[in-house]
Amino acid sequence: MASELPKTVAETTDYKSTSRYDDVISFVHAIQSIDPGIRVETFATTNEGRALPLVIVGPAGVVDPRTARASGLPIVFIMANIHAGEVEGKEAAQMLLRDLVSSKRKLREKLVILIAPIYNADGNEKISTEHRKEQVGPVNGVGVRENGQGLDLNRDYMKLESPEARGLVHNVLDRWDPLVTVDLHTTDGSYHGYQLTYAPMLTPDADSALIDFERKTLLPGIRARMKTGYGKETYYYGNFVDQLKPEKGWYTFDNRPRFGNNYVGLRNRFAILSEAYSYIDFRARVEVTQQFLNEIIASVSLHGQTMMKIAARADERASLAKVKNLGVRFEIKPWRKSTTILWERSTPAKPGEGIQNPETGSGPRIVRTGEIVPMKITDYGIFAPTEKSEVPFAYLIDARARRVIENLRTHGIIVERLNAPSQLRVEQFVITKAEHSAREFQKHRELTLTGEWKRSDVSFDPGTYIIRMNQPLARLAFYLLEPRSDDGLFDWNFFDELLGDVGPVSRLMNVTPLNAGVE
């Protein structure tokens, strides 16, 4: 190369420190000085005024979403540092960028790769040695989980109350429409024998063809190559429900689309969440994350055209209104009733000894032994609906619900308005109980509605909003608008001021001509 390749802060400090915001920006600029073909966009600006970079790496001529689509290549989006105490992805993403202008340059003829190396930039700057003290390094400290508003960005995908999430959804996921989104994290739970764990989309409301391909082809192949190529043990993300009694099972986390991997699934795209193991040292966590990224990119390079067809067919099924009913409430279920999970043997501590149970944060203290034991146990790794609801032809929303409509449009959902008074046979949700959570979460007291849909003839005024469900993002629109949804806009209090005996969202079940247009 004409110029020397830059190194990350982790590398230059012998993995004692992690990059600050200015370090990341300087690294990206150094890469651009080496390769002018690397482009950078700002996809959001944080509350504290930091511009979030999206680095665009692809073949010559790919400069924006239009040229990326015209290339016919898979688009892979890699994001890091959503939780700014989990810094391995930030360092590994920079190293991958460096490789893409040097040793892995040929991959740019097969893929378009987008990299957001420092998503939670405000949280990243609050570096302290007091944060995440249970993880092994970096010794000079890490940032915090929350953004500048005190919000967890990995709980903000549905409500979009942070500038970071609004920019990510609108300017990256909607505008660039990546085929695969990779979200890089670090564990803070159980003691096990995996250097890295991962999760696909966990919402059963995602298109089954995407779920099946990830679980049967994409992730098993990556796991096998991590073992044969690097000698690294990896598996689906989870935790022991009881560290001292692993036979109780291995449990994944959550089905709700407030989490990015599940949200992406509702957009008919593939998602992979990675969790480097916090109890190996910082250097090892960065290394395994970089290796995992390498294998993801290699796998998408291999399977990308098949994956693009699967995603396109999912869009088509939604656009042709072939999605008939979806879940609104869910429960965790066994995925594999007897599978081998690597447990670190742990024993009860004597009085005054040991460490706190990593799962409960309370209860009996334990002693780690360092011995990794294969255990045949149940993997509770999937979710199933306990309650379903029909997908209507269209939703009708009260014209006063401007905040709701702004949210839907930011997601990329097509919104129309009635042009004339209309008498329609619809279903309205008759509320029998509205209960807010006792505890505040992410500055909300989440709402659970009980009631039933009842059919009646209703007159709607011009300006009433229409969300037809024959559109690619129908699954996402359904999850946002159903009153009983466990993670929709009713849950997040967007409709609270409009609630009465009947909810402010109606369902038009039958195909009906509508005098409406996009605003």
Protein backbone atom coordinates (compact mmCIF):
# COMPACT_ATOMS: atom_id res chain seq x y z
CA MET A 1 0.00 0.00 0.00
CA ALA A 2 1.10 3.59 -0.67
CA SER A 3 0.36 4.51 2.95
CA GLU A 4 0.80 2.52 6.12
CA LEU A 5 -2.38 0.84 7.30
CA PRO A 6 -3.75 2.37 10.51
CA LYS A 7 -4.06 0.46 13.75
CA THR A 8 -6.88 0.58 16.26
CA VAL A 9 -6.51 1.96 19.76
CA ALA A 10 -6.88 -1.59 21.08
CA GLU A 11 -3.86 -2.67 19.02
CA THR A 12 -1.67 0.35 19.81
CA THR A 13 -2.29 -0.01 23.58
CA ASP A 14 -1.72 -3.77 23.70
CA TYR A 15 -5.47 -4.15 24.33
CA LYS A 16 -5.47 -2.03 27.46
CA SER A 17 -7.80 0.61 25.97
CA THR A 18 -10.69 0.92 23.55
CA SER A 19 -11.33 3.58 20.92
CA ARG A 20 -13.01 6.85 21.71
CA TYR A 21 -15.26 8.54 19.16
CA ASP A 22 -12.50 10.75 17.74
CA ASP A 23 -10.23 7.70 17.43
CA VAL A 24 -12.82 5.90 15.29
CA ILE A 25 -13.35 8.92 13.06
CA SER A 26 -9.59 9.33 12.63
CA PHE A 27 -9.26 5.64 11.75
CA VAL A 28 -11.96 5.93 9.09
CA HIS A 29 -10.31 9.04 7.65
CA ALA A 30 -6.98 7.22 7.53
CA ILE A 31 -8.61 4.39 5.58
CA GLN A 32 -10.12 6.90 3.14
CA SER A 33 -6.70 8.47 2.58
CA ILE A 34 -5.43 5.03 1.56
CA ASP A 35 -8.46 4.13 -0.57
CA PRO A 36 -10.51 7.04 -1.97
CA GLY A 37 -13.15 4.52 -3.06
CA ILE A 38 -14.29 4.22 0.56
CA ARG A 39 -17.28 6.50 1.14
CA VAL A 40 -18.79 7.71 4.40
CA GLU A 41 -22.28 8.95 5.15
CA THR A 42 -23.74 10.35 8.37
CA PHE A 43 -26.82 8.30 9.23
CA ALA A 44 -27.72 10.11 12.48
CA THR A 45 -26.53 12.77 14.89
CA THR A 46 -26.66 11.99 18.60
CA ASN A 47 -28.19 14.13 21.34
CA GLU A 48 -24.72 15.36 22.20
CA GLY A 49 -23.99 16.33 18.60
CA ARG A 50 -21.83 13.44 17.37
CA ALA A 51 -22.28 12.47 13.72
CA LEU A 52 -22.58 8.71 13.32
CA PRO A 53 -20.60 7.38 10.36
CA LEU A 54 -21.79 4.74 7.93
CA VAL A 55 -18.82 3.45 5.95
CA ILE A 56 -19.66 2.14 2.46
CA VAL A 57 -17.40 -0.53 0.98
CA GLY A 58 -18.13 -2.15 -2.36
CA PRO A 59 -17.10 -2.43 -5.98
CA ALA A 60 -16.32 0.61 -8.11
CA GLY A 61 -19.46 2.54 -8.94
CA VAL A 62 -21.40 1.70 -5.78
CA VAL A 63 -21.85 5.08 -4.16
CA ASP A 64 -25.45 5.09 -2.85
CA PRO A 65 -28.46 2.79 -2.38
CA ARG A 66 -29.52 3.08 -6.03
CA THR A 67 -26.14 1.95 -7.38
CA ALA A 68 -25.91 -0.71 -4.67
CA ARG A 69 -29.23 -2.21 -5.79
CA ALA A 70 -28.20 -1.93 -9.43
CA SER A 71 -25.07 -3.96 -8.69
CA GLY A 72 -27.22 -7.01 -7.88
CA LEU A 73 -24.92 -7.81 -4.96
CA PRO A 74 -25.95 -8.73 -1.41
CA ILE A 75 -25.70 -5.83 1.06
CA VAL A 76 -24.33 -6.68 4.50
CA PHE A 77 -24.68 -4.16 7.33
CA ILE A 78 -22.37 -4.47 10.35
CA MET A 79 -23.10 -2.38 13.43
CA ALA A 80 -21.12 -2.20 16.64
CA ASN A 81 -21.20 -0.52 20.03
CA ILE A 82 -24.98 -0.33 20.47
CA HIS A 83 -24.06 -0.93 24.12
CA ALA A 84 -20.93 1.14 24.64
CA GLY A 85 -19.59 -1.05 27.41
CA GLU A 86 -19.45 -3.92 24.92
CA VAL A 87 -16.58 -2.65 22.82
CA GLU A 88 -15.18 -5.71 21.02
CA GLY A 89 -17.35 -5.16 17.95
CA LYS A 90 -16.17 -1.57 17.61
CA GLU A 91 -12.54 -2.69 17.41
CA ALA A 92 -13.28 -5.71 15.19
CA ALA A 93 -15.37 -3.62 12.77
CA GLN A 94 -12.45 -1.22 12.28
CA MET A 95 -10.11 -4.14 11.64
CA LEU A 96 -12.52 -5.56 9.08
CA LEU A 97 -12.64 -2.19 7.32
CA ARG A 98 -8.84 -2.22 7.16
CA ASP A 99 -8.86 -5.73 5.70
CA LEU A 100 -11.35 -4.65 3.03
CA VAL A 101 -8.83 -2.18 1.63
CA SER A 102 -5.96 -4.68 1.89
CA SER A 103 -6.02 -8.46 2.40
CA LYS A 104 -9.76 -8.94 1.72
CA ARG A 105 -10.12 -6.43 -1.07
CA LYS A 106 -11.46 -9.04 -3.51
CA LEU A 107 -14.58 -9.46 -1.38
CA ARG A 108 -15.68 -6.02 -2.55
CA GLU A 109 -16.49 -7.51 -5.94
CA LYS A 110 -18.96 -9.92 -4.34
CA LEU A 111 -20.63 -7.83 -1.63
CA VAL A 112 -21.57 -4.34 -0.61
CA ILE A 113 -20.59 -3.92 3.04
CA LEU A 114 -21.87 -1.13 5.28
CA ILE A 115 -20.15 -0.57 8.62
CA ALA A 116 -21.42 1.54 11.52
CA PRO A 117 -18.50 1.07 13.95
CA ILE A 118 -19.72 3.30 16.79
CA TYR A 119 -23.51 3.41 17.09
CA ASN A 120 -23.81 4.56 20.71
CA ALA A 121 -21.22 7.31 20.42
CA ASP A 122 -22.46 9.32 23.41
CA GLY A 123 -22.37 6.31 25.72
CA ASN A 124 -18.91 5.43 24.40
CA GLU A 125 -17.40 8.69 25.66
CA LYS A 126 -18.35 7.97 29.28
CA ILE A 127 -15.42 5.56 29.66
CA SER A 128 -14.64 4.46 33.21
CA THR A 129 -12.93 1.54 34.90
CA GLU A 130 -16.06 1.22 37.07
CA HIS A 131 -18.18 -0.02 34.15
CA ARG A 132 -18.70 -3.75 33.47
CA LYS A 133 -16.15 -4.71 36.11
CA GLU A 134 -17.08 -8.37 35.78
CA GLN A 135 -15.66 -8.63 32.24
CA VAL A 136 -11.96 -9.20 31.59
CA GLY A 137 -10.59 -5.88 30.30
CA PRO A 138 -9.85 -3.53 28.77
CA VAL A 139 -8.18 -2.36 31.96
CA ASN A 140 -8.54 1.33 31.09
CA GLY A 141 -12.31 1.09 31.04
CA VAL A 142 -15.33 1.13 28.74
CA GLY A 143 -18.42 3.24 28.15
CA VAL A 144 -21.99 2.79 29.31
CA ARG A 145 -24.98 0.85 28.04
CA GLU A 146 -27.32 3.82 27.56
CA ASN A 147 -27.20 6.68 25.07
CA GLY A 148 -27.19 10.37 25.95
CA GLN A 149 -30.92 10.23 26.78
CA GLY A 150 -30.48 7.34 29.16
CA LEU A 151 -32.14 4.95 26.68
CA ASP A 152 -31.04 1.45 25.74
CA LEU A 153 -30.76 1.63 21.95
CA ASN A 154 -31.39 -2.11 21.70
CA ARG A 155 -34.88 -1.54 23.13
CA ASP A 156 -35.74 1.36 20.82
CA TYR A 157 -36.36 -0.27 17.45
CA MET A 158 -40.15 -0.08 17.65
CA LYS A 159 -40.78 3.22 19.44
CA LEU A 160 -37.87 5.10 17.80
CA GLU A 161 -37.46 7.69 20.54
CA SER A 162 -33.73 8.26 20.06
CA PRO A 163 -32.12 10.12 17.15
CA GLU A 164 -29.76 7.17 16.76
CA ALA A 165 -32.60 4.66 16.24
CA ARG A 166 -34.56 6.95 13.93
CA GLY A 167 -31.49 7.49 11.79
CA LEU A 168 -30.54 3.83 11.79
CA VAL A 169 -34.00 2.68 10.70
CA HIS A 170 -34.68 5.42 8.17
CA ASN A 171 -31.23 6.02 6.69
CA VAL A 172 -29.77 2.51 6.82
CA LEU A 173 -32.38 -0.25 7.14
CA ASP A 174 -35.01 1.47 4.99
CA ARG A 175 -32.86 3.48 2.60
CA TRP A 176 -30.09 0.92 1.98
CA ASP A 177 -32.25 -2.15 2.71
CA PRO A 178 -29.39 -4.50 3.70
CA LEU A 179 -29.98 -8.20 3.14
CA VAL A 180 -28.15 -9.10 6.37
CA THR A 181 -27.71 -7.06 9.53
CA VAL A 182 -25.00 -8.07 12.03
CA ASP A 183 -25.22 -6.63 15.56
CA LEU A 184 -22.09 -7.04 17.72
CA HIS A 185 -22.36 -7.48 21.51
CA THR A 186 -20.61 -8.96 24.56
CA THR A 187 -22.18 -11.29 27.15
CA ASP A 188 -22.78 -10.50 30.80
CA GLY A 189 -24.38 -13.73 32.00
CA SER A 190 -23.67 -17.42 32.46
CA TYR A 191 -20.33 -19.17 32.68
CA HIS A 192 -20.05 -21.55 29.74
CA GLY A 193 -17.52 -22.94 27.26
CA TYR A 194 -18.18 -20.80 24.18
CA GLN A 195 -15.90 -18.00 23.05
CA LEU A 196 -18.85 -16.48 21.20
CA THR A 197 -22.59 -17.10 21.03
CA TYR A 198 -25.06 -15.83 18.45
CA ALA A 199 -28.76 -15.49 17.74
CA PRO A 200 -30.86 -15.29 14.58
CA MET A 201 -34.25 -13.59 14.54
CA LEU A 202 -36.33 -15.03 17.39
CA THR A 203 -39.76 -13.68 16.49
CA PRO A 204 -42.07 -16.36 15.06
CA ASP A 205 -43.85 -13.56 13.17
CA ALA A 206 -40.93 -13.34 10.72
CA ASP A 207 -41.25 -15.16 7.42
CA SER A 208 -40.62 -18.87 8.04
CA ALA A 209 -38.36 -19.23 4.99
CA LEU A 210 -35.90 -16.72 6.44
CA ILE A 211 -35.97 -18.41 9.84
CA ASP A 212 -35.42 -21.85 8.32
CA PHE A 213 -32.49 -20.78 6.13
CA GLU A 214 -30.68 -19.14 9.05
CA ARG A 215 -31.14 -22.07 11.41
CA LYS A 216 -30.62 -24.90 8.93
CA THR A 217 -27.96 -23.52 6.57
CA LEU A 218 -26.37 -20.17 7.36
CA LEU A 219 -25.57 -20.41 11.08
CA PRO A 220 -24.63 -24.13 11.18
CA GLY A 221 -22.12 -23.52 8.39
CA ILE A 222 -20.60 -20.56 10.20
CA ARG A 223 -20.37 -22.54 13.44
CA ALA A 224 -18.61 -25.43 11.70
CA ARG A 225 -16.03 -23.12 10.11
CA MET A 226 -15.39 -21.32 13.39
CA LYS A 227 -14.47 -24.72 14.84
CA THR A 228 -12.43 -26.10 11.94
CA GLY A 229 -10.82 -22.83 10.85
CA TYR A 230 -10.03 -21.22 14.20
CA GLY A 231 -10.61 -23.87 16.85
CA LYS A 232 -13.33 -21.70 18.42
CA GLU A 233 -16.41 -23.08 20.16
CA THR A 234 -19.60 -21.16 19.31
CA TYR A 235 -23.31 -21.81 19.77
CA TYR A 236 -26.71 -20.14 19.89
CA TYR A 237 -26.90 -17.42 22.53
CA GLY A 238 -28.40 -18.39 25.86
CA ASN A 239 -27.96 -18.65 29.58
CA PHE A 240 -28.37 -21.36 32.19
CA VAL A 241 -31.51 -20.64 34.15
CA ASP A 242 -29.51 -21.83 37.16
CA GLN A 243 -25.70 -21.82 37.00
CA LEU A 244 -25.54 -24.46 39.73
CA LYS A 245 -28.15 -26.70 38.10
CA PRO A 246 -27.53 -26.62 34.35
CA GLU A 247 -29.92 -29.53 33.84
CA LYS A 248 -32.76 -26.99 34.18
CA GLY A 249 -31.97 -25.83 30.65
CA TRP A 250 -30.33 -23.31 28.34
CA TYR A 251 -32.57 -20.32 27.61
CA THR A 252 -32.40 -17.73 24.84
CA PHE A 253 -33.52 -14.16 25.53
CA ASP A 254 -36.59 -12.53 23.90
CA ASN A 255 -38.89 -12.62 20.88
CA ARG A 256 -39.88 -8.96 20.87
CA PRO A 257 -38.80 -6.65 18.02
CA ARG A 258 -37.59 -3.96 20.40
CA PHE A 259 -34.40 -6.03 19.98
CA GLY A 260 -32.66 -5.43 16.67
CA ASN A 261 -32.33 -9.03 15.50
CA ASN A 262 -36.09 -9.56 15.84
CA TYR A 263 -36.94 -6.19 14.32
CA VAL A 264 -34.90 -6.93 11.20
CA GLY A 265 -36.72 -10.25 10.87
CA LEU A 266 -40.05 -8.42 10.67
CA ARG A 267 -38.61 -6.43 7.76
CA ASN A 268 -38.12 -9.71 5.82
CA ARG A 269 -34.36 -9.61 6.14
CA PHE A 270 -31.71 -11.75 7.82
CA ALA A 271 -30.20 -10.82 11.17
CA ILE A 272 -27.34 -12.16 13.27
CA LEU A 273 -26.60 -11.03 16.82
CA SER A 274 -23.19 -11.96 18.18
CA GLU A 275 -22.09 -12.08 21.82
CA ALA A 276 -18.38 -12.35 22.55
CA TYR A 277 -17.79 -14.11 25.88
CA SER A 278 -17.01 -11.45 28.49
CA TYR A 279 -14.95 -13.82 30.70
CA ILE A 280 -12.19 -14.32 28.16
CA ASP A 281 -9.70 -11.48 27.82
CA PHE A 282 -10.29 -8.39 25.68
CA ARG A 283 -7.81 -9.39 22.98
CA ALA A 284 -9.46 -12.81 22.63
CA ARG A 285 -12.93 -11.23 22.43
CA VAL A 286 -11.86 -8.89 19.65
CA GLU A 287 -10.18 -11.76 17.82
CA VAL A 288 -13.18 -14.11 17.93
CA THR A 289 -15.53 -11.29 16.89
CA GLN A 290 -13.33 -10.48 13.90
CA GLN A 291 -13.20 -14.17 12.95
CA PHE A 292 -16.98 -14.43 13.25
CA LEU A 293 -17.36 -11.43 10.95
CA ASN A 294 -15.01 -13.04 8.46
CA GLU A 295 -17.14 -16.19 8.38
CA ILE A 296 -20.40 -14.27 8.08
CA ILE A 297 -19.07 -12.37 5.08
CA ALA A 298 -17.74 -15.57 3.51
CA SER A 299 -21.10 -17.27 4.02
CA VAL A 300 -23.09 -14.41 2.52
CA SER A 301 -20.67 -14.34 -0.39
CA LEU A 302 -21.44 -18.03 -0.89
CA HIS A 303 -25.21 -18.00 -0.27
CA GLY A 304 -26.06 -14.40 -1.05
CA GLN A 305 -28.01 -14.91 -4.27
CA THR A 306 -30.15 -17.62 -2.64
CA MET A 307 -30.74 -15.38 0.38
CA MET A 308 -31.76 -12.48 -1.85
CA LYS A 309 -34.37 -14.69 -3.53
CA ILE A 310 -35.72 -15.81 -0.15
CA ALA A 311 -36.02 -12.20 1.02
CA ALA A 312 -37.66 -11.10 -2.25
CA ARG A 313 -40.22 -13.89 -1.99
CA ALA A 314 -40.98 -12.83 1.60
CA ASP A 315 -41.61 -9.28 0.35
CA GLU A 316 -43.82 -10.65 -2.40
CA ARG A 317 -45.89 -12.79 -0.03
CA ALA A 318 -46.53 -9.76 2.16
CA SER A 319 -47.31 -7.51 -0.83
CA LEU A 320 -49.82 -10.06 -2.16
CA ALA A 321 -51.51 -10.13 1.27
CA LYS A 322 -50.70 -13.81 1.78
CA VAL A 323 -49.90 -13.31 5.47
CA LYS A 324 -53.19 -14.33 7.13
CA ASN A 325 -52.59 -14.38 10.90
CA LEU A 326 -49.70 -13.63 13.19
CA GLY A 327 -48.87 -13.86 16.88
CA VAL A 328 -49.34 -11.04 19.38
CA ARG A 329 -48.37 -12.90 22.59
CA PHE A 330 -45.70 -15.57 22.90
CA GLU A 331 -43.99 -18.10 25.16
CA ILE A 332 -40.56 -19.69 25.09
CA LYS A 333 -40.44 -23.32 23.94
CA PRO A 334 -37.91 -26.15 23.69
CA TRP A 335 -36.07 -26.12 20.37
CA ARG A 336 -33.87 -29.15 21.07
CA LYS A 337 -34.88 -31.35 23.98
CA SER A 338 -31.49 -33.02 24.34
CA THR A 339 -28.48 -31.20 23.01
CA THR A 340 -24.92 -30.77 24.22
CA ILE A 341 -24.23 -27.44 25.92
CA LEU A 342 -20.80 -26.55 27.33
CA TRP A 343 -21.16 -25.66 31.01
CA GLU A 344 -18.44 -24.32 33.26
CA ARG A 345 -18.73 -26.42 36.38
CA SER A 346 -19.74 -24.21 39.28
CA THR A 347 -20.19 -25.16 42.91
CA PRO A 348 -21.87 -23.50 45.91
CA ALA A 349 -19.55 -21.17 47.77
CA LYS A 350 -18.72 -21.44 51.43
CA PRO A 351 -19.68 -18.47 53.63
CA GLY A 352 -17.63 -15.44 52.69
CA GLU A 353 -16.31 -17.01 49.48
CA GLY A 354 -17.20 -17.07 45.80
CA ILE A 355 -18.94 -14.69 43.46
CA GLN A 356 -22.52 -13.70 42.79
CA ASN A 357 -24.65 -15.89 40.56
CA PRO A 358 -24.37 -14.21 37.12
CA GLU A 359 -28.02 -14.90 36.23
CA THR A 360 -29.87 -13.73 39.29
CA GLY A 361 -27.47 -11.19 40.77
CA SER A 362 -28.61 -12.57 44.11
CA GLY A 363 -29.14 -15.90 45.81
CA PRO A 364 -26.35 -18.34 46.60
CA ARG A 365 -22.82 -17.32 45.73
CA ILE A 366 -20.83 -19.70 43.56
CA VAL A 367 -17.28 -20.84 42.90
CA ARG A 368 -16.13 -21.17 39.29
CA THR A 369 -13.87 -24.14 38.65
CA GLY A 370 -12.66 -23.46 35.10
CA GLU A 371 -13.67 -27.00 34.11
CA ILE A 372 -15.82 -27.12 30.94
CA VAL A 373 -18.33 -29.97 31.02
CA PRO A 374 -20.53 -31.05 28.08
CA MET A 375 -24.10 -31.35 29.37
CA LYS A 376 -27.06 -32.98 27.60
CA ILE A 377 -29.90 -30.57 28.37
CA THR A 378 -32.88 -28.85 26.80
CA ASP A 379 -32.26 -25.81 24.62
CA TYR A 380 -35.17 -23.42 25.09
CA GLY A 381 -34.28 -21.52 21.96
CA ILE A 382 -37.51 -20.65 20.16
CA PHE A 383 -40.83 -18.94 20.79
CA ALA A 384 -44.38 -19.86 19.84
CA PRO A 385 -47.56 -17.76 19.83
CA THR A 386 -49.95 -18.16 22.72
CA GLU A 387 -52.36 -15.75 21.03
CA LYS A 388 -52.83 -14.87 17.39
CA SER A 389 -54.78 -12.26 15.48
CA GLU A 390 -55.96 -11.99 11.89
CA VAL A 391 -54.08 -9.73 9.51
CA PRO A 392 -56.64 -7.30 8.04
CA PHE A 393 -56.86 -5.79 4.58
CA ALA A 394 -56.10 -2.40 6.16
CA TYR A 395 -55.91 -0.52 9.45
CA LEU A 396 -57.68 2.83 9.87
CA ILE A 397 -56.14 5.24 12.38
CA ASP A 398 -57.62 8.32 14.01
CA ALA A 399 -56.36 11.50 12.28
CA ARG A 400 -55.23 12.89 15.65
CA ALA A 401 -52.58 10.18 16.03
CA ARG A 402 -49.82 12.21 14.40
CA ARG A 403 -47.05 10.76 16.57
CA VAL A 404 -48.09 7.27 15.51
CA ILE A 405 -48.01 8.20 11.85
CA GLU A 406 -44.58 9.81 12.17
CA ASN A 407 -43.32 6.58 13.71
CA LEU A 408 -44.81 4.42 10.94
CA ARG A 409 -43.32 6.57 8.20
CA THR A 410 -39.89 6.48 9.81
CA HIS A 411 -40.06 2.69 9.69
CA GLY A 412 -40.77 2.95 5.95
CA ILE A 413 -44.40 1.79 6.18
CA ILE A 414 -46.67 3.18 3.45
CA VAL A 415 -49.30 5.51 4.91
CA GLU A 416 -52.36 6.85 3.06
CA ARG A 417 -55.26 9.16 3.99
CA LEU A 418 -58.92 9.03 3.07
CA ASN A 419 -59.85 11.69 0.51
CA ALA A 420 -63.59 11.63 1.18
CA PRO A 421 -66.07 10.60 3.90
CA SER A 422 -66.41 6.81 3.92
CA GLN A 423 -68.90 4.43 5.51
CA LEU A 424 -67.09 1.16 6.12
CA ARG A 425 -67.79 -2.19 7.74
CA VAL A 426 -64.88 -2.54 10.16
CA GLU A 427 -63.79 -4.20 13.38
CA GLN A 428 -63.16 -2.02 16.42
CA PHE A 429 -61.28 -3.12 19.51
CA VAL A 430 -63.63 -2.83 22.51
CA ILE A 431 -61.47 -2.38 25.61
CA THR A 432 -62.45 -4.18 28.78
CA LYS A 433 -59.21 -3.50 30.69
CA ALA A 434 -56.23 -1.17 30.30
CA GLU A 435 -53.37 -1.85 32.68
CA HIS A 436 -50.05 0.02 32.85
CA SER A 437 -46.97 -1.72 34.23
CA ALA A 438 -46.15 -0.99 37.86
CA ARG A 439 -42.50 -0.29 37.05
CA GLU A 440 -41.14 2.19 34.56
CA PHE A 441 -39.06 0.76 31.72
CA GLN A 442 -37.17 2.92 29.22
CA LYS A 443 -39.15 5.91 30.56
CA HIS A 444 -42.49 4.21 29.88
CA ARG A 445 -45.12 2.35 31.83
CA GLU A 446 -46.00 -0.21 29.23
CA LEU A 447 -49.70 -0.76 28.52
CA THR A 448 -51.51 -4.10 28.28
CA LEU A 449 -55.00 -3.96 26.78
CA THR A 450 -57.66 -6.63 27.17
CA GLY A 451 -60.71 -6.70 24.95
CA GLU A 452 -62.07 -8.06 21.69
CA TRP A 453 -62.66 -7.02 18.13
CA LYS A 454 -66.31 -6.31 17.29
CA ARG A 455 -67.71 -5.62 13.84
CA SER A 456 -69.82 -2.55 13.07
CA ASP A 457 -70.55 0.07 10.41
CA VAL A 458 -68.54 3.22 11.05
CA SER A 459 -68.30 6.59 9.31
CA PHE A 460 -64.75 7.82 8.76
CA ASP A 461 -63.83 11.43 8.05
CA PRO A 462 -61.47 12.60 5.32
CA GLY A 463 -57.92 12.59 6.65
CA THR A 464 -58.29 9.26 8.46
CA TYR A 465 -55.04 7.37 8.03
CA ILE A 466 -55.00 4.10 6.10
CA ILE A 467 -52.34 1.40 6.42
CA ARG A 468 -52.96 -1.24 3.78
CA MET A 469 -51.45 -4.58 4.58
CA ASN A 470 -50.51 -5.54 1.03
CA GLN A 471 -47.06 -4.01 1.40
CA PRO A 472 -43.64 -5.52 2.10
CA LEU A 473 -43.53 -4.30 5.71
CA ALA A 474 -46.96 -5.74 6.56
CA ARG A 475 -45.53 -7.95 9.33
CA LEU A 476 -43.94 -4.95 11.01
CA ALA A 477 -47.07 -2.80 10.57
CA PHE A 478 -49.18 -5.54 12.16
CA TYR A 479 -46.87 -5.80 15.18
CA LEU A 480 -46.91 -2.01 15.64
CA LEU A 481 -50.68 -1.54 15.35
CA GLU A 482 -52.36 -4.54 16.96
CA PRO A 483 -53.79 -3.50 20.38
CA ARG A 484 -52.74 -6.80 22.01
CA SER A 485 -49.22 -6.79 20.55
CA ASP A 486 -46.56 -7.30 23.22
CA ASP A 487 -44.27 -4.67 21.65
CA GLY A 488 -46.43 -2.34 19.55
CA LEU A 489 -47.35 1.30 19.76
CA PHE A 490 -50.23 0.61 22.16
CA ASP A 491 -47.72 -1.07 24.47
CA TRP A 492 -45.39 1.94 24.26
CA ASN A 493 -48.15 4.45 25.16
CA PHE A 494 -48.41 6.11 21.73
CA PHE A 495 -52.21 5.83 21.84
CA ASP A 496 -52.80 6.52 25.54
CA GLU A 497 -54.36 9.95 25.05
CA LEU A 498 -56.81 8.61 22.48
CA LEU A 499 -58.02 5.61 24.45
CA GLY A 500 -61.70 5.27 25.32
CA ASP A 501 -64.09 2.36 25.39
CA VAL A 502 -63.05 1.67 21.79
CA GLY A 503 -59.47 1.80 20.54
CA PRO A 504 -58.44 4.47 17.99
CA VAL A 505 -57.39 1.84 15.43
CA SER A 506 -59.99 -0.02 13.33
CA ARG A 507 -59.50 -3.05 11.09
CA LEU A 508 -60.96 -3.37 7.60
CA MET A 509 -61.03 -7.12 7.12
CA ASN A 510 -62.36 -7.45 3.57
CA VAL A 511 -60.83 -6.14 0.35
CA THR A 512 -62.62 -2.83 -0.16
CA PRO A 513 -62.18 0.03 -2.68
CA LEU A 514 -60.89 3.09 -0.83
CA ASN A 515 -60.78 6.71 -1.98
CA ALA A 516 -57.36 7.32 -0.48
CA GLY A 517 -53.88 8.37 -1.45
CA VAL A 518 -50.35 8.68 -0.13
CA GLU A 519 -49.85 12.03 1.56
